Amino acid sequence: NPTGNKTYRIEETPKDELRLEAGEFLVPVAH
C-alpha cells in the first residue's frame, strides 16, 4: 500500500549481491 512517504523502488540486483554467502548481509544506508 503506497501511502504517505512510502514508495516502491525497482532496481537491478548487482551481480555480487545475487548470492550471499554465510557471514554476508546487506545493510540499508541512508543520508
Full PDB file with SEQRES, HELIX, SHEET, SSBOND, CRYST1, ORIGX, SCALE, CONECT and MASTER records, all heavy atoms in Angstrom:
SEQRES   1 A   31  ASN PRO THR GLY ASN LYS THR TYR ARG ILE GLU GLU THR          
SEQRES   2 A   31  PRO LYS ASP GLU LEU ARG LEU GLU ALA GLY GLU PHE LEU          
SEQRES   3 A   31  VAL PRO VAL ALA HIS                                          
HELIX    1 AA1 LYS A   15  GLU A   17  5                                   3    
CRYST1    1.000    1.000    1.000  90.00  90.00  90.00 P 1           1          
ORIGX1      1.000000  0.000000  0.000000        0.00000                         
ORIGX2      0.000000  1.000000  0.000000        0.00000                         
ORIGX3      0.000000  0.000000  1.000000        0.00000                         
SCALE1      1.000000  0.000000  0.000000        0.00000                         
SCALE2      0.000000  1.000000  0.000000        0.00000                         
SCALE3      0.000000  0.000000  1.000000        0.00000                         
ATOM      1  N   ASN A   1       0.834  -1.190   0.000  1.00  0.00           N  
ATOM      2  CA  ASN A   1       0.000   0.000   0.000  1.00  0.00           C  
ATOM      3  C   ASN A   1       0.876   1.251   0.000  1.00  0.00           C  
ATOM      4  O   ASN A   1       1.371   1.656   1.045  1.00  0.00           O  
ATOM      5  CB  ASN A   1      -0.920  -0.017   1.222  1.00  0.00           C  
ATOM      6  CG  ASN A   1      -1.922   1.101   1.194  1.00  0.00           C  
ATOM      7  OD1 ASN A   1      -2.149   1.726   0.177  1.00  0.00           O  
ATOM      8  ND2 ASN A   1      -2.530   1.363   2.334  1.00  0.00           N  
ATOM      9  N   PRO A   2       1.086   1.871  -1.172  1.00  0.00           N  
ATOM     10  CA  PRO A   2       1.916   3.083  -1.218  1.00  0.00           C  
ATOM     11  C   PRO A   2       1.149   4.304  -0.706  1.00  0.00           C  
ATOM     12  O   PRO A   2       0.373   4.904  -1.426  1.00  0.00           O  
ATOM     13  CB  PRO A   2       2.263   3.221  -2.694  1.00  0.00           C  
ATOM     14  CG  PRO A   2       1.172   2.509  -3.409  1.00  0.00           C  
ATOM     15  CD  PRO A   2       0.661   1.443  -2.487  1.00  0.00           C  
ATOM     16  N   THR A   3       1.338   4.639   0.566  1.00  0.00           N  
ATOM     17  CA  THR A   3       0.664   5.798   1.153  1.00  0.00           C  
ATOM     18  C   THR A   3       1.688   6.705   1.806  1.00  0.00           C  
ATOM     19  O   THR A   3       2.755   6.262   2.221  1.00  0.00           O  
ATOM     20  CB  THR A   3      -0.359   5.361   2.216  1.00  0.00           C  
ATOM     21  OG1 THR A   3       0.317   4.615   3.229  1.00  0.00           O  
ATOM     22  CG2 THR A   3      -1.471   4.540   1.618  1.00  0.00           C  
ATOM     23  N   GLY A   4       1.359   7.965   1.930  1.00  0.00           N  
ATOM     24  CA  GLY A   4       2.233   8.923   2.606  1.00  0.00           C  
ATOM     25  C   GLY A   4       3.596   9.024   1.952  1.00  0.00           C  
ATOM     26  O   GLY A   4       3.711   9.226   0.756  1.00  0.00           O  
ATOM     27  N   ASN A   5       4.641   8.860   2.749  1.00  0.00           N  
ATOM     28  CA  ASN A   5       6.015   8.942   2.256  1.00  0.00           C  
ATOM     29  C   ASN A   5       6.533   7.604   1.737  1.00  0.00           C  
ATOM     30  O   ASN A   5       7.701   7.486   1.403  1.00  0.00           O  
ATOM     31  CB  ASN A   5       6.951   9.432   3.361  1.00  0.00           C  
ATOM     32  CG  ASN A   5       6.696  10.879   3.711  1.00  0.00           C  
ATOM     33  OD1 ASN A   5       6.114  11.609   2.941  1.00  0.00           O  
ATOM     34  ND2 ASN A   5       7.133  11.284   4.883  1.00  0.00           N  
ATOM     35  N   LYS A   6       5.703   6.590   1.703  1.00  0.00           N  
ATOM     36  CA  LYS A   6       6.128   5.253   1.273  1.00  0.00           C  
ATOM     37  C   LYS A   6       6.067   5.136  -0.245  1.00  0.00           C  
ATOM     38  O   LYS A   6       5.072   5.479  -0.873  1.00  0.00           O  
ATOM     39  CB  LYS A   6       5.222   4.193   1.885  1.00  0.00           C  
ATOM     40  CG  LYS A   6       5.693   2.777   1.617  1.00  0.00           C  
ATOM     41  CD  LYS A   6       4.686   1.736   2.041  1.00  0.00           C  
ATOM     42  CE  LYS A   6       4.389   1.781   3.505  1.00  0.00           C  
ATOM     43  NZ  LYS A   6       3.486   0.698   3.912  1.00  0.00           N  
ATOM     44  N   THR A   7       7.169   4.688  -0.836  1.00  0.00           N  
ATOM     45  CA  THR A   7       7.211   4.417  -2.264  1.00  0.00           C  
ATOM     46  C   THR A   7       7.837   3.048  -2.470  1.00  0.00           C  
ATOM     47  O   THR A   7       8.477   2.493  -1.573  1.00  0.00           O  
ATOM     48  CB  THR A   7       8.053   5.469  -3.025  1.00  0.00           C  
ATOM     49  OG1 THR A   7       9.373   5.477  -2.493  1.00  0.00           O  
ATOM     50  CG2 THR A   7       7.443   6.844  -2.930  1.00  0.00           C  
ATOM     51  N   TYR A   8       7.654   2.519  -3.653  1.00  0.00           N  
ATOM     52  CA  TYR A   8       8.271   1.242  -4.017  1.00  0.00           C  
ATOM     53  C   TYR A   8       9.246   1.496  -5.145  1.00  0.00           C  
ATOM     54  O   TYR A   8       8.942   2.211  -6.092  1.00  0.00           O  
ATOM     55  CB  TYR A   8       7.196   0.233  -4.414  1.00  0.00           C  
ATOM     56  CG  TYR A   8       6.343  -0.151  -3.238  1.00  0.00           C  
ATOM     57  CD1 TYR A   8       5.117   0.446  -3.007  1.00  0.00           C  
ATOM     58  CD2 TYR A   8       6.805  -1.076  -2.312  1.00  0.00           C  
ATOM     59  CE1 TYR A   8       4.352   0.119  -1.906  1.00  0.00           C  
ATOM     60  CE2 TYR A   8       6.045  -1.414  -1.204  1.00  0.00           C  
ATOM     61  CZ  TYR A   8       4.825  -0.808  -1.009  1.00  0.00           C  
ATOM     62  OH  TYR A   8       4.081  -1.135   0.089  1.00  0.00           O  
ATOM     63  N   ARG A   9      10.420   0.900  -5.015  1.00  0.00           N  
ATOM     64  CA  ARG A   9      11.503   1.142  -5.960  1.00  0.00           C  
ATOM     65  C   ARG A   9      11.963  -0.183  -6.549  1.00  0.00           C  
ATOM     66  O   ARG A   9      12.210  -1.147  -5.825  1.00  0.00           O  
ATOM     67  CB  ARG A   9      12.660   1.821  -5.235  1.00  0.00           C  
ATOM     68  CG  ARG A   9      13.816   2.153  -6.133  1.00  0.00           C  
ATOM     69  CD  ARG A   9      14.819   2.990  -5.406  1.00  0.00           C  
ATOM     70  NE  ARG A   9      15.866   2.146  -4.850  1.00  0.00           N  
ATOM     71  CZ  ARG A   9      16.842   2.598  -4.085  1.00  0.00           C  
ATOM     72  NH1 ARG A   9      16.899   3.861  -3.751  1.00  0.00           N  
ATOM     73  NH2 ARG A   9      17.762   1.790  -3.638  1.00  0.00           N  
ATOM     74  N   ILE A  10      12.059  -0.218  -7.861  1.00  0.00           N  
ATOM     75  CA  ILE A  10      12.583  -1.388  -8.563  1.00  0.00           C  
ATOM     76  C   ILE A  10      13.987  -1.049  -9.006  1.00  0.00           C  
ATOM     77  O   ILE A  10      14.230   0.024  -9.568  1.00  0.00           O  
ATOM     78  CB  ILE A  10      11.702  -1.752  -9.771  1.00  0.00           C  
ATOM     79  CG1 ILE A  10      10.333  -2.203  -9.289  1.00  0.00           C  
ATOM     80  CG2 ILE A  10      12.361  -2.832 -10.615  1.00  0.00           C  
ATOM     81  CD1 ILE A  10       9.373  -2.553 -10.388  1.00  0.00           C  
ATOM     82  N   GLU A  11      14.908  -1.966  -8.733  1.00  0.00           N  
ATOM     83  CA  GLU A  11      16.288  -1.753  -9.131  1.00  0.00           C  
ATOM     84  C   GLU A  11      16.920  -3.088  -9.495  1.00  0.00           C  
ATOM     85  O   GLU A  11      16.419  -4.149  -9.132  1.00  0.00           O  
ATOM     86  CB  GLU A  11      17.088  -1.081  -8.020  1.00  0.00           C  
ATOM     87  CG  GLU A  11      17.281  -1.919  -6.789  1.00  0.00           C  
ATOM     88  CD  GLU A  11      18.077  -1.203  -5.709  1.00  0.00           C  
ATOM     89  OE1 GLU A  11      18.173   0.026  -5.737  1.00  0.00           O  
ATOM     90  OE2 GLU A  11      18.618  -1.910  -4.840  1.00  0.00           O  
ATOM     91  N   GLU A  12      18.016  -2.991 -10.211  1.00  0.00           N  
ATOM     92  CA  GLU A  12      18.784  -4.184 -10.573  1.00  0.00           C  
ATOM     93  C   GLU A  12      19.516  -4.711  -9.349  1.00  0.00           C  
ATOM     94  O   GLU A  12      20.052  -3.943  -8.556  1.00  0.00           O  
ATOM     95  CB  GLU A  12      19.789  -3.831 -11.660  1.00  0.00           C  
ATOM     96  CG  GLU A  12      20.705  -4.965 -12.027  1.00  0.00           C  
ATOM     97  CD  GLU A  12      21.817  -4.538 -12.959  1.00  0.00           C  
ATOM     98  OE1 GLU A  12      21.795  -3.407 -13.452  1.00  0.00           O  
ATOM     99  OE2 GLU A  12      22.723  -5.358 -13.181  1.00  0.00           O  
ATOM    100  N   THR A  13      19.518  -6.029  -9.188  1.00  0.00           N  
ATOM    101  CA  THR A  13      20.327  -6.645  -8.146  1.00  0.00           C  
ATOM    102  C   THR A  13      21.741  -6.781  -8.696  1.00  0.00           C  
ATOM    103  O   THR A  13      21.943  -7.457  -9.710  1.00  0.00           O  
ATOM    104  CB  THR A  13      19.782  -8.038  -7.773  1.00  0.00           C  
ATOM    105  OG1 THR A  13      18.416  -7.908  -7.399  1.00  0.00           O  
ATOM    106  CG2 THR A  13      20.562  -8.649  -6.639  1.00  0.00           C  
ATOM    107  N   PRO A  14      22.746  -6.133  -8.085  1.00  0.00           N  
ATOM    108  CA  PRO A  14      24.121  -6.251  -8.578  1.00  0.00           C  
ATOM    109  C   PRO A  14      24.596  -7.709  -8.555  1.00  0.00           C  
ATOM    110  O   PRO A  14      24.155  -8.508  -7.733  1.00  0.00           O  
ATOM    111  CB  PRO A  14      24.931  -5.393  -7.608  1.00  0.00           C  
ATOM    112  CG  PRO A  14      23.942  -4.450  -7.025  1.00  0.00           C  
ATOM    113  CD  PRO A  14      22.647  -5.196  -6.969  1.00  0.00           C  
ATOM    114  N   LYS A  15      25.513  -8.031  -9.459  1.00  0.00           N  
ATOM    115  CA  LYS A  15      25.994  -9.414  -9.573  1.00  0.00           C  
ATOM    116  C   LYS A  15      26.592  -9.931  -8.278  1.00  0.00           C  
ATOM    117  O   LYS A  15      26.414 -11.094  -7.938  1.00  0.00           O  
ATOM    118  CB  LYS A  15      27.023  -9.513 -10.706  1.00  0.00           C  
ATOM    119  CG  LYS A  15      26.416  -9.334 -12.067  1.00  0.00           C  
ATOM    120  CD  LYS A  15      27.460  -9.424 -13.161  1.00  0.00           C  
ATOM    121  CE  LYS A  15      26.813  -9.186 -14.511  1.00  0.00           C  
ATOM    122  NZ  LYS A  15      27.781  -9.215 -15.602  1.00  0.00           N  
ATOM    123  N   ASP A  16      27.288  -9.081  -7.522  1.00  0.00           N  
ATOM    124  CA  ASP A  16      27.914  -9.552  -6.281  1.00  0.00           C  
ATOM    125  C   ASP A  16      26.902  -9.734  -5.152  1.00  0.00           C  
ATOM    126  O   ASP A  16      27.236 -10.301  -4.115  1.00  0.00           O  
ATOM    127  CB  ASP A  16      29.040  -8.610  -5.844  1.00  0.00           C  
ATOM    128  CG  ASP A  16      28.538  -7.228  -5.461  1.00  0.00           C  
ATOM    129  OD1 ASP A  16      27.475  -6.813  -5.969  1.00  0.00           O  
ATOM    130  OD2 ASP A  16      29.216  -6.562  -4.663  1.00  0.00           O  
ATOM    131  N   GLU A  17      25.648  -9.300  -5.343  1.00  0.00           N  
ATOM    132  CA  GLU A  17      24.621  -9.482  -4.324  1.00  0.00           C  
ATOM    133  C   GLU A  17      23.616 -10.574  -4.683  1.00  0.00           C  
ATOM    134  O   GLU A  17      22.663 -10.811  -3.948  1.00  0.00           O  
ATOM    135  CB  GLU A  17      23.875  -8.169  -4.089  1.00  0.00           C  
ATOM    136  CG  GLU A  17      24.739  -7.091  -3.492  1.00  0.00           C  
ATOM    137  CD  GLU A  17      24.017  -5.755  -3.345  1.00  0.00           C  
ATOM    138  OE1 GLU A  17      22.786  -5.708  -3.530  1.00  0.00           O  
ATOM    139  OE2 GLU A  17      24.695  -4.761  -3.052  1.00  0.00           O  
ATOM    140  N   LEU A  18      23.824 -11.250  -5.819  1.00  0.00           N  
ATOM    141  CA  LEU A  18      22.907 -12.315  -6.210  1.00  0.00           C  
ATOM    142  C   LEU A  18      22.935 -13.475  -5.224  1.00  0.00           C  
ATOM    143  O   LEU A  18      21.907 -14.053  -4.897  1.00  0.00           O  
ATOM    144  CB  LEU A  18      23.231 -12.818  -7.621  1.00  0.00           C  
ATOM    145  CG  LEU A  18      22.859 -11.876  -8.755  1.00  0.00           C  
ATOM    146  CD1 LEU A  18      23.349 -12.431 -10.078  1.00  0.00           C  
ATOM    147  CD2 LEU A  18      21.364 -11.628  -8.789  1.00  0.00           C  
ATOM    148  N   ARG A  19      24.114 -13.822  -4.758  1.00  0.00           N  
ATOM    149  CA  ARG A  19      24.271 -14.900  -3.774  1.00  0.00           C  
ATOM    150  C   ARG A  19      25.011 -14.365  -2.573  1.00  0.00           C  
ATOM    151  O   ARG A  19      26.133 -13.883  -2.692  1.00  0.00           O  
ATOM    152  CB  ARG A  19      25.072 -16.053  -4.357  1.00  0.00           C  
ATOM    153  CG  ARG A  19      24.305 -16.798  -5.372  1.00  0.00           C  
ATOM    154  CD  ARG A  19      24.754 -18.189  -5.432  1.00  0.00           C  
ATOM    155  NE  ARG A  19      23.763 -18.853  -6.258  1.00  0.00           N  
ATOM    156  CZ  ARG A  19      23.827 -20.067  -6.640  1.00  0.00           C  
ATOM    157  NH1 ARG A  19      24.842 -20.791  -6.273  1.00  0.00           N  
ATOM    158  NH2 ARG A  19      22.890 -20.583  -7.374  1.00  0.00           N  
ATOM    159  N   LEU A  20      24.381 -14.461  -1.430  1.00  0.00           N  
ATOM    160  CA  LEU A  20      25.036 -14.059  -0.190  1.00  0.00           C  
ATOM    161  C   LEU A  20      25.529 -15.312   0.513  1.00  0.00           C  
ATOM    162  O   LEU A  20      24.761 -16.225   0.795  1.00  0.00           O  
ATOM    163  CB  LEU A  20      24.066 -13.281   0.703  1.00  0.00           C  
ATOM    164  CG  LEU A  20      23.572 -11.951   0.146  1.00  0.00           C  
ATOM    165  CD1 LEU A  20      22.578 -11.323   1.101  1.00  0.00           C  
ATOM    166  CD2 LEU A  20      24.727 -11.002  -0.098  1.00  0.00           C  
ATOM    167  N   GLU A  21      26.814 -15.357   0.770  1.00  0.00           N  
ATOM    168  CA  GLU A  21      27.421 -16.489   1.459  1.00  0.00           C  
ATOM    169  C   GLU A  21      27.154 -16.364   2.962  1.00  0.00           C  
ATOM    170  O   GLU A  21      26.639 -15.362   3.438  1.00  0.00           O  
ATOM    171  CB  GLU A  21      28.939 -16.504   1.190  1.00  0.00           C  
ATOM    172  CG  GLU A  21      29.322 -16.530  -0.275  1.00  0.00           C  
ATOM    173  CD  GLU A  21      28.930 -17.814  -0.975  1.00  0.00           C  
ATOM    174  OE1 GLU A  21      28.966 -18.876  -0.329  1.00  0.00           O  
ATOM    175  OE2 GLU A  21      28.585 -17.752  -2.167  1.00  0.00           O  
ATOM    176  N   ALA A  22      27.547 -17.372   3.703  1.00  0.00           N  
ATOM    177  CA  ALA A  22      27.426 -17.326   5.163  1.00  0.00           C  
ATOM    178  C   ALA A  22      28.305 -16.186   5.681  1.00  0.00           C  
ATOM    179  O   ALA A  22      29.442 -16.020   5.248  1.00  0.00           O  
ATOM    180  CB  ALA A  22      27.859 -18.650   5.772  1.00  0.00           C  
ATOM    181  N   GLY A  23      27.775 -15.380   6.568  1.00  0.00           N  
ATOM    182  CA  GLY A  23      28.520 -14.248   7.104  1.00  0.00           C  
ATOM    183  C   GLY A  23      28.427 -12.984   6.274  1.00  0.00           C  
ATOM    184  O   GLY A  23      29.057 -11.986   6.602  1.00  0.00           O  
ATOM    185  N   GLU A  24      27.650 -13.012   5.185  1.00  0.00           N  
ATOM    186  CA  GLU A  24      27.442 -11.821   4.359  1.00  0.00           C  
ATOM    187  C   GLU A  24      26.002 -11.342   4.516  1.00  0.00           C  
ATOM    188  O   GLU A  24      25.089 -12.160   4.652  1.00  0.00           O  
ATOM    189  CB  GLU A  24      27.701 -12.116   2.882  1.00  0.00           C  
ATOM    190  CG  GLU A  24      29.123 -12.465   2.557  1.00  0.00           C  
ATOM    191  CD  GLU A  24      29.321 -12.735   1.078  1.00  0.00           C  
ATOM    192  OE1 GLU A  24      28.351 -13.011   0.357  1.00  0.00           O  
ATOM    193  OE2 GLU A  24      30.471 -12.673   0.646  1.00  0.00           O  
ATOM    194  N   PHE A  25      25.805 -10.042   4.512  1.00  0.00           N  
ATOM    195  CA  PHE A  25      24.461  -9.497   4.604  1.00  0.00           C  
ATOM    196  C   PHE A  25      24.427  -8.108   3.993  1.00  0.00           C  
ATOM    197  O   PHE A  25      25.465  -7.485   3.776  1.00  0.00           O  
ATOM    198  CB  PHE A  25      23.952  -9.487   6.054  1.00  0.00           C  
ATOM    199  CG  PHE A  25      24.906  -8.876   7.038  1.00  0.00           C  
ATOM    200  CD1 PHE A  25      24.804  -7.545   7.399  1.00  0.00           C  
ATOM    201  CD2 PHE A  25      25.923  -9.639   7.604  1.00  0.00           C  
ATOM    202  CE1 PHE A  25      25.683  -6.984   8.295  1.00  0.00           C  
ATOM    203  CE2 PHE A  25      26.806  -9.085   8.509  1.00  0.00           C  
ATOM    204  CZ  PHE A  25      26.684  -7.753   8.856  1.00  0.00           C  
ATOM    205  N   LEU A  26      23.210  -7.642   3.709  1.00  0.00           N  
ATOM    206  CA  LEU A  26      23.009  -6.331   3.115  1.00  0.00           C  
ATOM    207  C   LEU A  26      22.530  -5.356   4.186  1.00  0.00           C  
ATOM    208  O   LEU A  26      21.623  -5.663   4.952  1.00  0.00           O  
ATOM    209  CB  LEU A  26      21.970  -6.400   1.990  1.00  0.00           C  
ATOM    210  CG  LEU A  26      22.344  -7.263   0.796  1.00  0.00           C  
ATOM    211  CD1 LEU A  26      21.188  -7.338  -0.184  1.00  0.00           C  
ATOM    212  CD2 LEU A  26      23.580  -6.714   0.105  1.00  0.00           C  
ATOM    213  N   VAL A  27      23.152  -4.181   4.220  1.00  0.00           N  
ATOM    214  CA  VAL A  27      22.798  -3.151   5.194  1.00  0.00           C  
ATOM    215  C   VAL A  27      22.218  -1.964   4.433  1.00  0.00           C  
ATOM    216  O   VAL A  27      22.850  -1.456   3.505  1.00  0.00           O  
ATOM    217  CB  VAL A  27      24.050  -2.706   5.986  1.00  0.00           C  
ATOM    218  CG1 VAL A  27      23.717  -1.572   6.928  1.00  0.00           C  
ATOM    219  CG2 VAL A  27      24.652  -3.867   6.733  1.00  0.00           C  
ATOM    220  N   PRO A  28      21.013  -1.500   4.805  1.00  0.00           N  
ATOM    221  CA  PRO A  28      20.482  -0.301   4.159  1.00  0.00           C  
ATOM    222  C   PRO A  28      21.215   0.948   4.640  1.00  0.00           C  
ATOM    223  O   PRO A  28      21.499   1.099   5.828  1.00  0.00           O  
ATOM    224  CB  PRO A  28      19.014  -0.280   4.586  1.00  0.00           C  
ATOM    225  CG  PRO A  28      18.921  -1.168   5.763  1.00  0.00           C  
ATOM    226  CD  PRO A  28      20.083  -2.109   5.721  1.00  0.00           C  
ATOM    227  N   VAL A  29      21.550   1.840   3.705  1.00  0.00           N  
ATOM    228  CA  VAL A  29      22.294   3.057   4.007  1.00  0.00           C  
ATOM    229  C   VAL A  29      21.455   4.254   3.572  1.00  0.00           C  
ATOM    230  O   VAL A  29      20.898   4.268   2.478  1.00  0.00           O  
ATOM    231  CB  VAL A  29      23.652   3.075   3.268  1.00  0.00           C  
ATOM    232  CG1 VAL A  29      24.411   4.357   3.546  1.00  0.00           C  
ATOM    233  CG2 VAL A  29      24.482   1.863   3.644  1.00  0.00           C  
ATOM    234  N   ALA A  30      21.361   5.266   4.446  1.00  0.00           N  
ATOM    235  CA  ALA A  30      20.624   6.488   4.135  1.00  0.00           C  
ATOM    236  C   ALA A  30      21.503   7.692   4.462  1.00  0.00           C  
ATOM    237  O   ALA A  30      22.365   7.630   5.340  1.00  0.00           O  
ATOM    238  CB  ALA A  30      19.324   6.545   4.938  1.00  0.00           C  
ATOM    239  N   HIS A  31      21.275   8.782   3.760  1.00  0.00           N  
ATOM    240  CA  HIS A  31      21.976  10.033   4.026  1.00  0.00           C  
ATOM    241  C   HIS A  31      21.142  10.847   5.006  1.00  0.00           C  
ATOM    242  O   HIS A  31      19.921  10.884   4.900  1.00  0.00           O  
ATOM    243  CB  HIS A  31      22.136  10.838   2.737  1.00  0.00           C  
ATOM    244  CG  HIS A  31      22.821  10.086   1.650  1.00  0.00           C  
ATOM    245  ND1 HIS A  31      22.149   9.261   0.786  1.00  0.00           N  
ATOM    246  CD2 HIS A  31      24.110  10.038   1.291  1.00  0.00           C  
ATOM    247  CE1 HIS A  31      23.011   8.741  -0.058  1.00  0.00           C  
ATOM    248  NE2 HIS A  31      24.210   9.198   0.214  1.00  0.00           N  
TER     249      HIS A  31                                                      
MASTER        0    0    0    1    0    0    0    6  248    1    0    3          
END                                                                             
